Structure formats: structure tokens, C-alpha cells
C-alpha atoms as a PDB file:
ATOM      1  CA  MET A   1      -0.873  -7.504 -12.479  1.00  0.00           C
ATOM      2  CA  PRO A   2      -3.867  -5.355 -11.447  1.00  0.00           C
ATOM      3  CA  ASN A   3      -5.454  -8.302  -9.581  1.00  0.00           C
ATOM      4  CA  ALA A   4      -2.269  -9.349  -7.768  1.00  0.00           C
ATOM      5  CA  LYS A   5      -2.452  -9.291  -3.977  1.00  0.00           C
ATOM      6  CA  ARG A   6       0.260  -7.962  -1.723  1.00  0.00           C
ATOM      7  CA  MET A   7       2.438 -10.408   0.191  1.00  0.00           C
ATOM      8  CA  THR A   8       1.707 -11.134   3.818  1.00  0.00           C
ATOM      9  CA  LYS A   9       4.457 -10.898   6.421  1.00  0.00           C
ATOM     10  CA  SER A  10       4.697 -14.694   6.532  1.00  0.00           C
ATOM     11  CA  GLN A  11       5.024 -14.928   2.738  1.00  0.00           C
ATOM     12  CA  LEU A  12       7.684 -12.204   2.739  1.00  0.00           C
ATOM     13  CA  VAL A  13       9.714 -13.945   5.451  1.00  0.00           C
ATOM     14  CA  THR A  14       9.455 -17.260   3.591  1.00  0.00           C
ATOM     15  CA  GLU A  15      10.501 -15.671   0.269  1.00  0.00           C
ATOM     16  CA  ILE A  16      13.536 -13.955   1.808  1.00  0.00           C
ATOM     17  CA  ALA A  17      14.500 -17.139   3.684  1.00  0.00           C
ATOM     18  CA  GLU A  18      14.479 -19.117   0.423  1.00  0.00           C
ATOM     19  CA  LYS A  19      16.511 -16.513  -1.474  1.00  0.00           C
ATOM     20  CA  THR A  20      19.140 -16.027   1.255  1.00  0.00           C
ATOM     21  CA  GLU A  21      19.316 -19.631   2.498  1.00  0.00           C
ATOM     22  CA  LEU A  22      18.585 -18.458   6.030  1.00  0.00           C
ATOM     23  CA  THR A  23      15.951 -19.943   8.304  1.00  0.00           C
ATOM     24  CA  ARG A  24      12.602 -18.216   8.709  1.00  0.00           C
ATOM     25  CA  LYS A  25      13.494 -17.614  12.348  1.00  0.00           C
ATOM     26  CA  GLN A  26      16.720 -15.822  11.365  1.00  0.00           C
ATOM     27  CA  VAL A  27      14.899 -13.626   8.844  1.00  0.00           C
ATOM     28  CA  SER A  28      12.272 -12.753  11.453  1.00  0.00           C
ATOM     29  CA  ALA A  29      15.082 -11.824  13.862  1.00  0.00           C
ATOM     30  CA  VAL A  30      16.553  -9.477  11.232  1.00  0.00           C
ATOM     31  CA  PHE A  31      13.186  -7.740  10.806  1.00  0.00           C
ATOM     32  CA  GLU A  32      12.810  -7.428  14.583  1.00  0.00           C
ATOM     33  CA  ALA A  33      16.312  -5.935  14.893  1.00  0.00           C
ATOM     34  CA  LEU A  34      15.573  -3.508  12.046  1.00  0.00           C
ATOM     35  CA  ARG A  35      12.394  -2.406  13.838  1.00  0.00           C
ATOM     36  CA  GLU A  36      14.291  -1.828  17.092  1.00  0.00           C
ATOM     37  CA  VAL A  37      16.984   0.259  15.369  1.00  0.00           C
ATOM     38  CA  ALA A  38      14.297   2.318  13.605  1.00  0.00           C
ATOM     39  CA  LYS A  39      12.533   2.867  16.939  1.00  0.00           C
ATOM     40  CA  VAL A  40      15.703   4.325  18.477  1.00  0.00           C
ATOM     41  CA  GLN A  41      16.582   6.446  15.434  1.00  0.00           C
ATOM     42  CA  LEU A  42      13.069   7.863  15.027  1.00  0.00           C
ATOM     43  CA  GLY A  43      12.428   8.267  18.760  1.00  0.00           C
ATOM     44  CA  LYS A  44      12.497  11.555  20.657  1.00  0.00           C
ATOM     45  CA  ARG A  45      16.186  11.178  21.534  1.00  0.00           C
ATOM     46  CA  GLY A  46      17.301   9.960  18.109  1.00  0.00           C
ATOM     47  CA  PRO A  47      18.208  12.011  15.034  1.00  0.00           C
ATOM     48  CA  GLY A  48      14.685  11.681  13.618  1.00  0.00           C
ATOM     49  CA  GLU A  49      15.810  10.057  10.386  1.00  0.00           C
ATOM     50  CA  PHE A  50      16.286   6.409   9.414  1.00  0.00           C
ATOM     51  CA  VAL A  51      17.348   5.048   6.027  1.00  0.00           C
ATOM     52  CA  VAL A  52      16.835   1.488   4.830  1.00  0.00           C
ATOM     53  CA  PRO A  53      19.633   1.341   2.208  1.00  0.00           C
ATOM     54  CA  ASP A  54      18.423   1.248  -1.413  1.00  0.00           C
ATOM     55  CA  MET A  55      14.786   1.276  -0.255  1.00  0.00           C
ATOM     56  CA  VAL A  56      13.299   4.116   1.768  1.00  0.00           C
ATOM     57  CA  LYS A  57      14.127   7.112   3.942  1.00  0.00           C
ATOM     58  CA  LEU A  58      11.951   7.588   7.025  1.00  0.00           C
ATOM     59  CA  LYS A  59      11.885  11.006   8.646  1.00  0.00           C
ATOM     60  CA  VAL A  60       9.994  12.492  11.590  1.00  0.00           C
ATOM     61  CA  ARG A  61       8.270  15.782  10.820  1.00  0.00           C
ATOM     62  CA  VAL A  62       7.428  17.889  13.847  1.00  0.00           C
ATOM     63  CA  ARG A  63       4.362  20.112  13.527  1.00  0.00           C
ATOM     64  CA  LYS A  64       4.081  23.075  15.857  1.00  0.00           C
ATOM     65  CA  ALA A  65       1.039  23.714  18.004  1.00  0.00           C
ATOM     66  CA  GLU A  66      -1.456  26.228  16.635  1.00  0.00           C
ATOM     67  CA  LYS A  67      -3.727  28.303  18.847  1.00  0.00           C
ATOM     68  CA  GLY A  68      -7.033  29.486  17.479  1.00  0.00           C
ATOM     69  CA  LYS A  69      -6.859  27.607  14.157  1.00  0.00           C
ATOM     70  CA  LYS A  70      -9.971  28.083  12.061  1.00  0.00           C
ATOM     71  CA  PHE A  71     -11.752  25.101  10.510  1.00  0.00           C
ATOM     72  CA  ARG A  72     -14.793  25.217   8.223  1.00  0.00           C
ATOM     73  CA  ASN A  73     -17.512  22.600   8.397  1.00  0.00           C
ATOM     74  CA  PRO A  74     -18.146  21.802   4.701  1.00  0.00           C
ATOM     75  CA  ALA A  75     -21.734  20.666   5.317  1.00  0.00           C
ATOM     76  CA  THR A  76     -22.949  23.777   7.156  1.00  0.00           C
ATOM     77  CA  GLY A  77     -20.277  26.342   6.328  1.00  0.00           C
ATOM     78  CA  GLU A  78     -19.847  27.017  10.051  1.00  0.00           C
ATOM     79  CA  ILE A  79     -16.411  28.264  11.152  1.00  0.00           C
ATOM     80  CA  ILE A  80     -14.989  26.436  14.181  1.00  0.00           C
ATOM     81  CA  VAL A  81     -11.990  27.735  16.138  1.00  0.00           C
ATOM     82  CA  LYS A  82      -9.827  25.110  17.887  1.00  0.00           C
ATOM     83  CA  ASP A  83      -6.375  24.801  19.431  1.00  0.00           C
ATOM     84  CA  VAL A  84      -4.280  22.185  17.621  1.00  0.00           C
ATOM     85  CA  PRO A  85      -1.590  20.484  19.740  1.00  0.00           C
ATOM     86  CA  ALA A  86       1.956  19.840  18.493  1.00  0.00           C
ATOM     87  CA  SER A  87       2.445  16.462  16.816  1.00  0.00           C
ATOM     88  CA  ARG A  88       5.075  14.222  15.266  1.00  0.00           C
ATOM     89  CA  ARG A  89       4.394  12.701  11.828  1.00  0.00           C
ATOM     90  CA  LEU A  90       6.339   9.986  10.034  1.00  0.00           C
ATOM     91  CA  VAL A  91       7.205  10.704   6.404  1.00  0.00           C
ATOM     92  CA  ALA A  92       8.445   7.912   4.105  1.00  0.00           C
ATOM     93  CA  ARG A  93      10.266   8.752   0.893  1.00  0.00           C
ATOM     94  CA  PRO A  94      11.580   6.185  -1.575  1.00  0.00           C
ATOM     95  CA  VAL A  95      15.257   6.507  -2.507  1.00  0.00           C
ATOM     96  CA  LYS A  96      16.439   6.689  -6.121  1.00  0.00           C
ATOM     97  CA  LYS A  97      17.236   2.959  -6.496  1.00  0.00           C
ATOM     98  CA  LEU A  98      13.704   1.999  -5.461  1.00  0.00           C
ATOM     99  CA  LYS A  99      12.207   4.601  -7.813  1.00  0.00           C
ATOM    100  CA  ASP A 100      14.320   3.192 -10.675  1.00  0.00           C
ATOM    101  CA  LEU A 101      12.987  -0.333  -9.969  1.00  0.00           C
ATOM    102  CA  VAL A 102       9.413   0.840 -10.461  1.00  0.00           C
ATOM    103  CA  ALA A 103      10.014   3.072 -13.463  1.00  0.00           C
END
């Protein structure tokens, strides 16, 4: 399947609706609720980790600020010194059941 295209959101909702005998509107509501729960769990006041059972684990990785970090311009070789602010990154890791599906 190298030429297969990924499913669109509409196709995914339709596929799940057919398999679960729910309406498309109900399936869309489930996705919306899942997004809202993830927003709370991954937000600044949440635990910073959210697991979709048997699929994926989402985790927030906090990077500390760095003062005077050195960067090298690969074209000129010039060294640039900048302050890098703190940031929050989202990391997604598949759980074992999802890995076993692919393998």
C-alpha cells in the first residue's frame, strides 16, 4: 500500500460510525469530548500526561530556558549567541498494543 492515502477526518468519522452503529454526529461529539479532556490533562494545571487506551501516550516535556546558548550558522560558520526561552513540547509515544498492530 505505498500509494494509499491517509483518511480524512470526515472519512474516519464515517468509518467509525458504520462500525459502531452510531451517528456521525455522535462520533464527532466523542472526538470533541476526547479533545477537551486532553486539553485539561495536558494543560498547565493538569498532570501533563494523557493516554488514549491501546493507542498512544501523550506527554508534555518542559524545556528549561538557556542563557547564552551558542548556535553555528552552517553556511558561514559564524557562531551566534542567543537566549532561548523555556518551552513546552508535546511528545507522542505509541503503546505496546499499537506497536504490535504494525509489527
